[in-house]
Amino acid sequence: MRAREFIGESTTEKLDISFQDASPGASSYPTALNPYKRYRLGMAAAGAPDYEHDFCTDGPSEDFLVSVHYSVADEEIMKAAHKKTGYKQKTMAPKNSHESDYINKVSPVPDWISKK
């Protein structure tokens, strides 16, 4: 088999008809160049259609890079990186992670393994 037989790339604006048939509703997003905006689109899709609240396309961190420190070592690494690069961070969440009260900590699946 030759590559041209299975590569369907084209410089035209439309997909080849065989790809259209295999991908109903396929869409591209020519203006979604920013990776964070792509992430926000995915988050909006994950909550749709049940998430009824307003959805900000920028989110709390706008288009800015976000880092998370799960340990003291992570924090030390980032402090050293800040010192080397001159970047200043804006704290978005307090230190020390914990399970939120609204998280279900009990499995909804019955304990069927131990009953065998």
PDB file of N, CA and C in Angstrom:
ATOM      1  N   MET A   1       0.845  -1.173   0.000  1.00  0.00           N
ATOM      2  CA  MET A   1       0.000   0.000   0.000  1.00  0.00           C
ATOM      3  C   MET A   1       0.890   1.236   0.000  1.00  0.00           C
ATOM      4  N   ARG A   2       0.531   2.194  -0.785  1.00  0.00           N
ATOM      5  CA  ARG A   2       1.292   3.428  -0.876  1.00  0.00           C
ATOM      6  C   ARG A   2       0.672   4.477   0.041  1.00  0.00           C
ATOM      7  N   ALA A   3       1.502   5.357   0.543  1.00  0.00           N
ATOM      8  CA  ALA A   3       1.030   6.366   1.485  1.00  0.00           C
ATOM      9  C   ALA A   3      -0.121   7.187   0.925  1.00  0.00           C
ATOM     10  N   ARG A   4      -0.079   7.502  -0.360  1.00  0.00           N
ATOM     11  CA  ARG A   4      -1.135   8.347  -0.919  1.00  0.00           C
ATOM     12  C   ARG A   4      -2.503   7.652  -0.886  1.00  0.00           C
ATOM     13  N   GLU A   5      -2.493   6.327  -0.697  1.00  0.00           N
ATOM     14  CA  GLU A   5      -3.746   5.577  -0.639  1.00  0.00           C
ATOM     15  C   GLU A   5      -4.438   5.704   0.712  1.00  0.00           C
ATOM     16  N   PHE A   6      -3.691   6.036   1.768  1.00  0.00           N
ATOM     17  CA  PHE A   6      -4.345   6.147   3.072  1.00  0.00           C
ATOM     18  C   PHE A   6      -4.197   7.514   3.719  1.00  0.00           C
ATOM     19  N   ILE A   7      -3.402   8.387   3.174  1.00  0.00           N
ATOM     20  CA  ILE A   7      -3.294   9.743   3.714  1.00  0.00           C
ATOM     21  C   ILE A   7      -4.338  10.602   3.027  1.00  0.00           C
ATOM     22  N   GLY A   8      -5.202  11.184   3.818  1.00  0.00           N
ATOM     23  CA  GLY A   8      -6.308  11.947   3.252  1.00  0.00           C
ATOM     24  C   GLY A   8      -6.135  13.438   3.367  1.00  0.00           C
ATOM     25  N   GLU A   9      -4.944  13.912   3.574  1.00  0.00           N
ATOM     26  CA  GLU A   9      -4.733  15.341   3.719  1.00  0.00           C
ATOM     27  C   GLU A   9      -4.881  16.038   2.376  1.00  0.00           C
ATOM     28  N   SER A  10      -5.353  17.242   2.437  1.00  0.00           N
ATOM     29  CA  SER A  10      -5.568  18.009   1.224  1.00  0.00           C
ATOM     30  C   SER A  10      -5.369  19.482   1.538  1.00  0.00           C
ATOM     31  N   THR A  11      -5.044  20.240   0.534  1.00  0.00           N
ATOM     32  CA  THR A  11      -4.886  21.686   0.742  1.00  0.00           C
ATOM     33  C   THR A  11      -6.193  22.417   0.481  1.00  0.00           C
ATOM     34  N   THR A  12      -7.251  21.685   0.155  1.00  0.00           N
ATOM     35  CA  THR A  12      -8.543  22.321  -0.091  1.00  0.00           C
ATOM     36  C   THR A  12      -9.241  22.602   1.234  1.00  0.00           C
ATOM     37  N   GLU A  13     -10.282  23.375   1.181  1.00  0.00           N
ATOM     38  CA  GLU A  13     -11.040  23.753   2.380  1.00  0.00           C
ATOM     39  C   GLU A  13     -11.965  22.642   2.864  1.00  0.00           C
ATOM     40  N   LYS A  14     -12.312  21.688   1.989  1.00  0.00           N
ATOM     41  CA  LYS A  14     -13.262  20.650   2.360  1.00  0.00           C
ATOM     42  C   LYS A  14     -12.568  19.314   2.549  1.00  0.00           C
ATOM     43  N   LEU A  15     -13.135  18.495   3.443  1.00  0.00           N
ATOM     44  CA  LEU A  15     -12.649  17.135   3.616  1.00  0.00           C
ATOM     45  C   LEU A  15     -13.088  16.291   2.435  1.00  0.00           C
ATOM     46  N   ASP A  16     -12.294  15.298   2.108  1.00  0.00           N
ATOM     47  CA  ASP A  16     -12.667  14.329   1.094  1.00  0.00           C
ATOM     48  C   ASP A  16     -14.000  13.703   1.500  1.00  0.00           C
ATOM     49  N   ILE A  17     -14.833  13.352   0.540  1.00  0.00           N
ATOM     50  CA  ILE A  17     -16.173  12.830   0.823  1.00  0.00           C
ATOM     51  C   ILE A  17     -16.139  11.583   1.705  1.00  0.00           C
ATOM     52  N   SER A  18     -15.136  10.724   1.535  1.00  0.00           N
ATOM     53  CA  SER A  18     -15.057   9.518   2.369  1.00  0.00           C
ATOM     54  C   SER A  18     -14.818   9.871   3.832  1.00  0.00           C
ATOM     55  N   PHE A  19     -14.062  10.937   4.110  1.00  0.00           N
ATOM     56  CA  PHE A  19     -13.851  11.376   5.486  1.00  0.00           C
ATOM     57  C   PHE A  19     -15.102  12.057   6.031  1.00  0.00           C
ATOM     58  N   GLN A  20     -15.818  12.775   5.182  1.00  0.00           N
ATOM     59  CA  GLN A  20     -17.067  13.397   5.614  1.00  0.00           C
ATOM     60  C   GLN A  20     -18.072  12.328   6.022  1.00  0.00           C
ATOM     61  N   ASP A  21     -18.151  11.257   5.235  1.00  0.00           N
ATOM     62  CA  ASP A  21     -19.078  10.174   5.541  1.00  0.00           C
ATOM     63  C   ASP A  21     -18.742   9.499   6.872  1.00  0.00           C
ATOM     64  N   ALA A  22     -17.456   9.380   7.174  1.00  0.00           N
ATOM     65  CA  ALA A  22     -17.015   8.685   8.391  1.00  0.00           C
ATOM     66  C   ALA A  22     -16.985   9.592   9.618  1.00  0.00           C
ATOM     67  N   SER A  23     -17.130  10.908   9.432  1.00  0.00           N
ATOM     68  CA  SER A  23     -17.017  11.857  10.550  1.00  0.00           C
ATOM     69  C   SER A  23     -18.172  12.852  10.529  1.00  0.00           C
ATOM     70  N   PRO A  24     -19.388  12.400  10.814  1.00  0.00           N
ATOM     71  CA  PRO A  24     -20.522  13.313  10.757  1.00  0.00           C
ATOM     72  C   PRO A  24     -20.402  14.427  11.798  1.00  0.00           C
ATOM     73  N   GLY A  25     -20.682  15.625  11.371  1.00  0.00           N
ATOM     74  CA  GLY A  25     -20.639  16.761  12.285  1.00  0.00           C
ATOM     75  C   GLY A  25     -19.238  17.224  12.641  1.00  0.00           C
ATOM     76  N   ALA A  26     -18.228  16.765  11.922  1.00  0.00           N
ATOM     77  CA  ALA A  26     -16.852  17.174  12.218  1.00  0.00           C
ATOM     78  C   ALA A  26     -16.727  18.691  12.094  1.00  0.00           C
ATOM     79  N   SER A  27     -16.073  19.300  13.048  1.00  0.00           N
ATOM     80  CA  SER A  27     -15.879  20.749  13.049  1.00  0.00           C
ATOM     81  C   SER A  27     -14.435  21.069  13.369  1.00  0.00           C
ATOM     82  N   SER A  28     -13.966  22.187  12.866  1.00  0.00           N
ATOM     83  CA  SER A  28     -12.649  22.685  13.260  1.00  0.00           C
ATOM     84  C   SER A  28     -12.853  24.074  13.842  1.00  0.00           C
ATOM     85  N   TYR A  29     -11.885  24.544  14.571  1.00  0.00           N
ATOM     86  CA  TYR A  29     -11.978  25.829  15.251  1.00  0.00           C
ATOM     87  C   TYR A  29     -10.771  26.672  14.865  1.00  0.00           C
ATOM     88  N   PRO A  30     -10.829  27.337  13.718  1.00  0.00           N
ATOM     89  CA  PRO A  30      -9.668  28.075  13.206  1.00  0.00           C
ATOM     90  C   PRO A  30      -9.204  29.209  14.123  1.00  0.00           C
ATOM     91  N   THR A  31     -10.075  29.726  14.962  1.00  0.00           N
ATOM     92  CA  THR A  31      -9.673  30.831  15.842  1.00  0.00           C
ATOM     93  C   THR A  31      -9.210  30.352  17.206  1.00  0.00           C
ATOM     94  N   ALA A  32      -9.294  29.052  17.481  1.00  0.00           N
ATOM     95  CA  ALA A  32      -8.900  28.519  18.788  1.00  0.00           C
ATOM     96  C   ALA A  32      -7.413  28.193  18.786  1.00  0.00           C
ATOM     97  N   LEU A  33      -6.592  29.212  18.712  1.00  0.00           N
ATOM     98  CA  LEU A  33      -5.141  29.010  18.668  1.00  0.00           C
ATOM     99  C   LEU A  33      -4.527  28.914  20.055  1.00  0.00           C
ATOM    100  N   ASN A  34      -5.177  29.494  21.036  1.00  0.00           N
ATOM    101  CA  ASN A  34      -4.662  29.515  22.392  1.00  0.00           C
ATOM    102  C   ASN A  34      -4.978  28.193  23.093  1.00  0.00           C
ATOM    103  N   PRO A  35      -3.977  27.485  23.620  1.00  0.00           N
ATOM    104  CA  PRO A  35      -4.226  26.201  24.281  1.00  0.00           C
ATOM    105  C   PRO A  35      -5.187  26.307  25.469  1.00  0.00           C
ATOM    106  N   TYR A  36      -5.125  27.411  26.211  1.00  0.00           N
ATOM    107  CA  TYR A  36      -6.028  27.546  27.357  1.00  0.00           C
ATOM    108  C   TYR A  36      -7.473  27.680  26.886  1.00  0.00           C
ATOM    109  N   LYS A  37      -7.689  28.403  25.792  1.00  0.00           N
ATOM    110  CA  LYS A  37      -9.045  28.539  25.259  1.00  0.00           C
ATOM    111  C   LYS A  37      -9.555  27.173  24.798  1.00  0.00           C
ATOM    112  N   ARG A  38      -8.670  26.348  24.248  1.00  0.00           N
ATOM    113  CA  ARG A  38      -9.062  25.001  23.851  1.00  0.00           C
ATOM    114  C   ARG A  38      -9.470  24.189  25.071  1.00  0.00           C
ATOM    115  N   TYR A  39      -8.718  24.326  26.141  1.00  0.00           N
ATOM    116  CA  TYR A  39      -9.036  23.642  27.395  1.00  0.00           C
ATOM    117  C   TYR A  39     -10.407  24.084  27.899  1.00  0.00           C
ATOM    118  N   ARG A  40     -10.665  25.391  27.869  1.00  0.00           N
ATOM    119  CA  ARG A  40     -11.954  25.908  28.344  1.00  0.00           C
ATOM    120  C   ARG A  40     -13.103  25.385  27.474  1.00  0.00           C
ATOM    121  N   LEU A  41     -12.893  25.242  26.176  1.00  0.00           N
ATOM    122  CA  LEU A  41     -13.905  24.668  25.293  1.00  0.00           C
ATOM    123  C   LEU A  41     -14.205  23.234  25.724  1.00  0.00           C
ATOM    124  N   GLY A  42     -13.159  22.475  26.019  1.00  0.00           N
ATOM    125  CA  GLY A  42     -13.343  21.106  26.496  1.00  0.00           C
ATOM    126  C   GLY A  42     -14.093  21.058  27.813  1.00  0.00           C
ATOM    127  N   MET A  43     -13.799  21.980  28.724  1.00  0.00           N
ATOM    128  CA  MET A  43     -14.499  22.044  30.009  1.00  0.00           C
ATOM    129  C   MET A  43     -15.977  22.388  29.804  1.00  0.00           C
ATOM    130  N   ALA A  44     -16.246  23.312  28.889  1.00  0.00           N
ATOM    131  CA  ALA A  44     -17.635  23.674  28.595  1.00  0.00           C
ATOM    132  C   ALA A  44     -18.374  22.473  28.007  1.00  0.00           C
ATOM    133  N   ALA A  45     -17.712  21.717  27.137  1.00  0.00           N
ATOM    134  CA  ALA A  45     -18.331  20.540  26.539  1.00  0.00           C
ATOM    135  C   ALA A  45     -18.577  19.459  27.593  1.00  0.00           C
ATOM    136  N   ALA A  46     -17.648  19.310  28.534  1.00  0.00           N
ATOM    137  CA  ALA A  46     -17.792  18.290  29.573  1.00  0.00           C
ATOM    138  C   ALA A  46     -19.001  18.563  30.452  1.00  0.00           C
ATOM    139  N   GLY A  47     -19.339  19.820  30.653  1.00  0.00           N
ATOM    140  CA  GLY A  47     -20.472  20.164  31.505  1.00  0.00           C
ATOM    141  C   GLY A  47     -21.775  20.330  30.763  1.00  0.00           C
ATOM    142  N   ALA A  48     -21.723  20.322  29.447  1.00  0.00           N
ATOM    143  CA  ALA A  48     -22.930  20.570  28.656  1.00  0.00           C
ATOM    144  C   ALA A  48     -23.748  19.288  28.533  1.00  0.00           C
ATOM    145  N   PRO A  49     -25.031  19.357  28.408  1.00  0.00           N
ATOM    146  CA  PRO A  49     -25.861  20.551  28.526  1.00  0.00           C
ATOM    147  C   PRO A  49     -26.374  20.782  29.940  1.00  0.00           C
ATOM    148  N   ASP A  50     -25.965  19.936  30.887  1.00  0.00           N
ATOM    149  CA  ASP A  50     -26.530  20.009  32.236  1.00  0.00           C
ATOM    150  C   ASP A  50     -26.034  21.169  33.074  1.00  0.00           C
ATOM    151  N   TYR A  51     -24.836  21.654  32.801  1.00  0.00           N
ATOM    152  CA  TYR A  51     -24.278  22.749  33.588  1.00  0.00           C
ATOM    153  C   TYR A  51     -24.928  24.040  33.123  1.00  0.00           C
ATOM    154  N   GLU A  52     -25.821  24.586  33.932  1.00  0.00           N
ATOM    155  CA  GLU A  52     -26.647  25.712  33.506  1.00  0.00           C
ATOM    156  C   GLU A  52     -26.074  27.073  33.854  1.00  0.00           C
ATOM    157  N   HIS A  53     -24.996  27.124  34.580  1.00  0.00           N
ATOM    158  CA  HIS A  53     -24.438  28.401  35.002  1.00  0.00           C
ATOM    159  C   HIS A  53     -23.717  29.087  33.850  1.00  0.00           C
ATOM    160  N   ASP A  54     -23.527  30.383  33.988  1.00  0.00           N
ATOM    161  CA  ASP A  54     -22.755  31.108  32.983  1.00  0.00           C
ATOM    162  C   ASP A  54     -21.361  30.514  32.926  1.00  0.00           C
ATOM    163  N   PHE A  55     -20.786  30.501  31.761  1.00  0.00           N
ATOM    164  CA  PHE A  55     -19.451  29.928  31.591  1.00  0.00           C
ATOM    165  C   PHE A  55     -18.544  30.976  30.972  1.00  0.00           C
ATOM    166  N   CYS A  56     -17.570  31.404  31.724  1.00  0.00           N
ATOM    167  CA  CYS A  56     -16.624  32.412  31.251  1.00  0.00           C
ATOM    168  C   CYS A  56     -15.568  31.735  30.387  1.00  0.00           C
ATOM    169  N   THR A  57     -15.337  32.258  29.203  1.00  0.00           N
ATOM    170  CA  THR A  57     -14.358  31.621  28.318  1.00  0.00           C
ATOM    171  C   THR A  57     -12.931  31.770  28.820  1.00  0.00           C
ATOM    172  N   ASP A  58     -12.674  32.744  29.662  1.00  0.00           N
ATOM    173  CA  ASP A  58     -11.316  32.939  30.167  1.00  0.00           C
ATOM    174  C   ASP A  58     -11.059  32.191  31.459  1.00  0.00           C
ATOM    175  N   GLY A  59     -12.017  32.116  32.331  1.00  0.00           N
ATOM    176  CA  GLY A  59     -11.820  31.471  33.616  1.00  0.00           C
ATOM    177  C   GLY A  59     -10.992  32.343  34.542  1.00  0.00           C
ATOM    178  N   PRO A  60     -10.767  31.891  35.745  1.00  0.00           N
ATOM    179  CA  PRO A  60     -10.080  32.717  36.742  1.00  0.00           C
ATOM    180  C   PRO A  60      -8.627  33.015  36.425  1.00  0.00           C
ATOM    181  N   SER A  61      -7.977  32.195  35.611  1.00  0.00           N
ATOM    182  CA  SER A  61      -6.571  32.460  35.313  1.00  0.00           C
ATOM    183  C   SER A  61      -6.373  33.136  33.963  1.00  0.00           C
ATOM    184  N   GLU A  62      -7.482  33.494  33.317  1.00  0.00           N
ATOM    185  CA  GLU A  62      -7.438  34.136  32.001  1.00  0.00           C
ATOM    186  C   GLU A  62      -6.587  33.291  31.063  1.00  0.00           C
ATOM    187  N   ASP A  63      -5.641  33.890  30.387  1.00  0.00           N
ATOM    188  CA  ASP A  63      -4.755  33.151  29.481  1.00  0.00           C
ATOM    189  C   ASP A  63      -3.401  32.867  30.122  1.00  0.00           C
ATOM    190  N   PHE A  64      -3.322  32.964  31.438  1.00  0.00           N
ATOM    191  CA  PHE A  64      -2.038  32.844  32.112  1.00  0.00           C
ATOM    192  C   PHE A  64      -1.696  31.397  32.438  1.00  0.00           C
ATOM    193  N   LEU A  65      -0.420  31.117  32.484  1.00  0.00           N
ATOM    194  CA  LEU A  65       0.087  29.818  32.895  1.00  0.00           C
ATOM    195  C   LEU A  65      -0.276  29.586  34.359  1.00  0.00           C
ATOM    196  N   VAL A  66      -0.602  28.341  34.708  1.00  0.00           N
ATOM    197  CA  VAL A  66      -0.946  27.991  36.088  1.00  0.00           C
ATOM    198  C   VAL A  66      -0.020  26.870  36.545  1.00  0.00           C
ATOM    199  N   SER A  67       0.504  26.990  37.754  1.00  0.00           N
ATOM    200  CA  SER A  67       1.273  25.897  38.347  1.00  0.00           C
ATOM    201  C   SER A  67       0.599  25.493  39.650  1.00  0.00           C
ATOM    202  N   VAL A  68       0.764  24.229  40.032  1.00  0.00           N
ATOM    203  CA  VAL A  68       0.164  23.705  41.250  1.00  0.00           C
ATOM    204  C   VAL A  68       1.267  23.048  42.061  1.00  0.00           C
ATOM    205  N   HIS A  69       1.323  23.341  43.336  1.00  0.00           N
ATOM    206  CA  HIS A  69       2.361  22.792  44.208  1.00  0.00           C
ATOM    207  C   HIS A  69       1.718  21.793  45.164  1.00  0.00           C
ATOM    208  N   TYR A  70       1.949  20.514  44.927  1.00  0.00           N
ATOM    209  CA  TYR A  70       1.386  19.489  45.795  1.00  0.00           C
ATOM    210  C   TYR A  70       2.272  19.193  46.994  1.00  0.00           C
ATOM    211  N   SER A  71       3.514  19.650  46.947  1.00  0.00           N
ATOM    212  CA  SER A  71       4.428  19.364  48.054  1.00  0.00           C
ATOM    213  C   SER A  71       5.318  20.577  48.295  1.00  0.00           C
ATOM    214  N   VAL A  72       6.033  20.536  49.401  1.00  0.00           N
ATOM    215  CA  VAL A  72       6.991  21.588  49.714  1.00  0.00           C
ATOM    216  C   VAL A  72       8.080  21.618  48.642  1.00  0.00           C
ATOM    217  N   ALA A  73       8.476  20.443  48.178  1.00  0.00           N
ATOM    218  CA  ALA A  73       9.498  20.361  47.122  1.00  0.00           C
ATOM    219  C   ALA A  73       9.020  21.059  45.847  1.00  0.00           C
ATOM    220  N   ASP A  74       7.743  20.855  45.478  1.00  0.00           N
ATOM    221  CA  ASP A  74       7.191  21.535  44.297  1.00  0.00           C
ATOM    222  C   ASP A  74       7.268  23.048  44.465  1.00  0.00           C
ATOM    223  N   GLU A  75       6.918  23.505  45.647  1.00  0.00           N
ATOM    224  CA  GLU A  75       6.948  24.942  45.919  1.00  0.00           C
ATOM    225  C   GLU A  75       8.371  25.493  45.830  1.00  0.00           C
ATOM    226  N   GLU A  76       9.328  24.756  46.373  1.00  0.00           N
ATOM    227  CA  GLU A  76      10.728  25.193  46.310  1.00  0.00           C
ATOM    228  C   GLU A  76      11.218  25.258  44.865  1.00  0.00           C
ATOM    229  N   ILE A  77      10.834  24.273  44.066  1.00  0.00           N
ATOM    230  CA  ILE A  77      11.218  24.263  42.652  1.00  0.00           C
ATOM    231  C   ILE A  77      10.683  25.507  41.957  1.00  0.00           C
ATOM    232  N   MET A  78       9.417  25.825  42.176  1.00  0.00           N
ATOM    233  CA  MET A  78       8.819  26.980  41.516  1.00  0.00           C
ATOM    234  C   MET A  78       9.414  28.292  42.021  1.00  0.00           C
ATOM    235  N   LYS A  79       9.717  28.373  43.303  1.00  0.00           N
ATOM    236  CA  LYS A  79      10.364  29.589  43.824  1.00  0.00           C
ATOM    237  C   LYS A  79      11.715  29.807  43.140  1.00  0.00           C
ATOM    238  N   ALA A  80      12.474  28.724  42.964  1.00  0.00           N
ATOM    239  CA  ALA A  80      13.770  28.833  42.286  1.00  0.00           C
ATOM    240  C   ALA A  80      13.575  29.246  40.824  1.00  0.00           C
ATOM    241  N   ALA A  81      12.555  28.686  40.182  1.00  0.00           N
ATOM    242  CA  ALA A  81      12.274  29.045  38.791  1.00  0.00           C
ATOM    243  C   ALA A  81      11.869  30.511  38.682  1.00  0.00           C
ATOM    244  N   HIS A  82      11.066  30.996  39.631  1.00  0.00           N
ATOM    245  CA  HIS A  82      10.665  32.409  39.639  1.00  0.00           C
ATOM    246  C   HIS A  82      11.890  33.304  39.766  1.00  0.00           C
ATOM    247  N   LYS A  83      12.797  32.905  40.651  1.00  0.00           N
ATOM    248  CA  LYS A  83      13.999  33.698  40.878  1.00  0.00           C
ATOM    249  C   LYS A  83      14.852  33.769  39.607  1.00  0.00           C
ATOM    250  N   LYS A  84      14.968  32.640  38.908  1.00  0.00           N
ATOM    251  CA  LYS A  84      15.779  32.599  37.691  1.00  0.00           C
ATOM    252  C   LYS A  84      15.158  33.381  36.536  1.00  0.00           C
ATOM    253  N   THR A  85      13.825  33.345  36.437  1.00  0.00           N
ATOM    254  CA  THR A  85      13.163  33.953  35.283  1.00  0.00           C
ATOM    255  C   THR A  85      12.619  35.347  35.543  1.00  0.00           C
ATOM    256  N   GLY A  86      12.446  35.691  36.821  1.00  0.00           N
ATOM    257  CA  GLY A  86      11.881  36.992  37.152  1.00  0.00           C
ATOM    258  C   GLY A  86      10.361  37.032  37.115  1.00  0.00           C
ATOM    259  N   TYR A  87       9.720  35.890  36.872  1.00  0.00           N
ATOM    260  CA  TYR A  87       8.257  35.858  36.864  1.00  0.00           C
ATOM    261  C   TYR A  87       7.706  36.041  38.268  1.00  0.00           C
ATOM    262  N   LYS A  88       6.618  36.758  38.361  1.00  0.00           N
ATOM    263  CA  LYS A  88       5.903  36.932  39.633  1.00  0.00           C
ATOM    264  C   LYS A  88       4.601  36.139  39.525  1.00  0.00           C
ATOM    265  N   GLN A  89       4.279  35.406  40.565  1.00  0.00           N
ATOM    266  CA  GLN A  89       3.050  34.636  40.539  1.00  0.00           C
ATOM    267  C   GLN A  89       1.944  35.342  41.308  1.00  0.00           C
ATOM    268  N   LYS A  90       0.729  35.014  40.963  1.00  0.00           N
ATOM    269  CA  LYS A  90      -0.461  35.492  41.662  1.00  0.00           C
ATOM    270  C   LYS A  90      -1.101  34.259  42.282  1.00  0.00           C
ATOM    271  N   THR A  91      -1.160  34.192  43.601  1.00  0.00           N
ATOM    272  CA  THR A  91      -1.712  33.025  44.289  1.00  0.00           C
ATOM    273  C   THR A  91      -3.213  32.954  44.056  1.00  0.00           C
ATOM    274  N   MET A  92      -3.679  31.790  43.600  1.00  0.00           N
ATOM    275  CA  MET A  92      -5.091  31.605  43.300  1.00  0.00           C
ATOM    276  C   MET A  92      -5.794  30.715  44.317  1.00  0.00           C
ATOM    277  N   ALA A  93      -5.053  29.855  45.001  1.00  0.00           N
ATOM    278  CA  ALA A  93      -5.635  28.935  45.978  1.00  0.00           C
ATOM    279  C   ALA A  93      -4.658  28.792  47.141  1.00  0.00           C
ATOM    280  N   PRO A  94      -5.183  28.567  48.338  1.00  0.00           N
ATOM    281  CA  PRO A  94      -4.289  28.413  49.496  1.00  0.00           C
ATOM    282  C   PRO A  94      -3.481  27.126  49.407  1.00  0.00           C
ATOM    283  N   LYS A  95      -2.442  27.048  50.225  1.00  0.00           N
ATOM    284  CA  LYS A  95      -1.621  25.844  50.289  1.00  0.00           C
ATOM    285  C   LYS A  95      -2.428  24.721  50.946  1.00  0.00           C
ATOM    286  N   ASN A  96      -1.878  23.527  50.871  1.00  0.00           N
ATOM    287  CA  ASN A  96      -2.446  22.331  51.483  1.00  0.00           C
ATOM    288  C   ASN A  96      -3.757  21.919  50.821  1.00  0.00           C
ATOM    289  N   SER A  97      -3.705  20.862  50.048  1.00  0.00           N
ATOM    290  CA  SER A  97      -4.906  20.364  49.396  1.00  0.00           C
ATOM    291  C   SER A  97      -5.694  19.467  50.342  1.00  0.00           C
ATOM    292  N   HIS A  98      -6.983  19.378  50.101  1.00  0.00           N
ATOM    293  CA  HIS A  98      -7.856  18.492  50.868  1.00  0.00           C
ATOM    294  C   HIS A  98      -9.107  18.208  50.045  1.00  0.00           C
ATOM    295  N   GLU A  99      -9.786  17.124  50.378  1.00  0.00           N
ATOM    296  CA  GLU A  99     -11.027  16.772  49.682  1.00  0.00           C
ATOM    297  C   GLU A  99     -12.110  17.773  50.076  1.00  0.00           C
ATOM    298  N   SER A 100     -12.798  18.291  49.093  1.00  0.00           N
ATOM    299  CA  SER A 100     -13.907  19.196  49.367  1.00  0.00           C
ATOM    300  C   SER A 100     -15.052  18.423  50.002  1.00  0.00           C
ATOM    301  N   ASP A 101     -15.879  19.125  50.757  1.00  0.00           N
ATOM    302  CA  ASP A 101     -16.998  18.479  51.433  1.00  0.00           C
ATOM    303  C   ASP A 101     -18.015  17.889  50.463  1.00  0.00           C
ATOM    304  N   TYR A 102     -18.101  18.445  49.263  1.00  0.00           N
ATOM    305  CA  TYR A 102     -19.096  17.954  48.311  1.00  0.00           C
ATOM    306  C   TYR A 102     -18.628  16.737  47.517  1.00  0.00           C
ATOM    307  N   ILE A 103     -17.408  16.267  47.746  1.00  0.00           N
ATOM    308  CA  ILE A 103     -16.890  15.089  47.047  1.00  0.00           C
ATOM    309  C   ILE A 103     -17.455  13.829  47.696  1.00  0.00           C
ATOM    310  N   ASN A 104     -17.993  12.925  46.877  1.00  0.00           N
ATOM    311  CA  ASN A 104     -18.516  11.658  47.368  1.00  0.00           C
ATOM    312  C   ASN A 104     -17.336  10.728  47.638  1.00  0.00           C
ATOM    313  N   LYS A 105     -17.133  10.367  48.876  1.00  0.00           N
ATOM    314  CA  LYS A 105     -15.984   9.537  49.248  1.00  0.00           C
ATOM    315  C   LYS A 105     -16.358   8.061  49.394  1.00  0.00           C
ATOM    316  N   VAL A 106     -17.627   7.734  49.177  1.00  0.00           N
ATOM    317  CA  VAL A 106     -18.088   6.354  49.263  1.00  0.00           C
ATOM    318  C   VAL A 106     -18.497   5.907  47.862  1.00  0.00           C
ATOM    319  N   SER A 107     -17.989   4.772  47.439  1.00  0.00           N
ATOM    320  CA  SER A 107     -18.282   4.275  46.103  1.00  0.00           C
ATOM    321  C   SER A 107     -19.765   3.958  45.959  1.00  0.00           C
ATOM    322  N   PRO A 108     -20.387   4.367  44.853  1.00  0.00           N
ATOM    323  CA  PRO A 108     -21.782   4.019  44.613  1.00  0.00           C
ATOM    324  C   PRO A 108     -21.948   2.576  44.142  1.00  0.00           C
ATOM    325  N   VAL A 109     -20.832   1.903  43.836  1.00  0.00           N
ATOM    326  CA  VAL A 109     -20.864   0.518  43.370  1.00  0.00           C
ATOM    327  C   VAL A 109     -20.869  -0.410  44.579  1.00  0.00           C
ATOM    328  N   PRO A 110     -21.764  -1.384  44.598  1.00  0.00           N
ATOM    329  CA  PRO A 110     -21.783  -2.311  45.743  1.00  0.00           C
ATOM    330  C   PRO A 110     -20.481  -3.089  45.860  1.00  0.00           C
ATOM    331  N   ASP A 111     -20.210  -3.545  47.049  1.00  0.00           N
ATOM    332  CA  ASP A 111     -18.984  -4.302  47.306  1.00  0.00           C
ATOM    333  C   ASP A 111     -19.176  -5.742  46.850  1.00  0.00           C
ATOM    334  N   TRP A 112     -19.219  -5.954  45.528  1.00  0.00           N
ATOM    335  CA  TRP A 112     -19.493  -7.268  44.973  1.00  0.00           C
ATOM    336  C   TRP A 112     -18.283  -8.178  44.958  1.00  0.00           C
ATOM    337  N   ILE A 113     -17.085  -7.634  45.022  1.00  0.00           N
ATOM    338  CA  ILE A 113     -15.869  -8.460  44.960  1.00  0.00           C
ATOM    339  C   ILE A 113     -15.731  -9.308  46.229  1.00  0.00           C
ATOM    340  N   SER A 114     -15.958  -8.706  47.385  1.00  0.00           N
ATOM    341  CA  SER A 114     -15.776  -9.453  48.636  1.00  0.00           C
ATOM    342  C   SER A 114     -16.905 -10.455  48.882  1.00  0.00           C
ATOM    343  N   LYS A 115     -17.982 -10.371  48.126  1.00  0.00           N
ATOM    344  CA  LYS A 115     -19.113 -11.281  48.327  1.00  0.00           C
ATOM    345  C   LYS A 115     -19.010 -12.537  47.481  1.00  0.00           C
ATOM    346  N   LYS A 116     -17.933 -12.661  46.692  1.00  0.00           N
ATOM    347  CA  LYS A 116     -17.790 -13.863  45.843  1.00  0.00           C
ATOM    348  C   LYS A 116     -17.311 -15.052  46.636  1.00  0.00           C
TER     349      LYS A 116
END
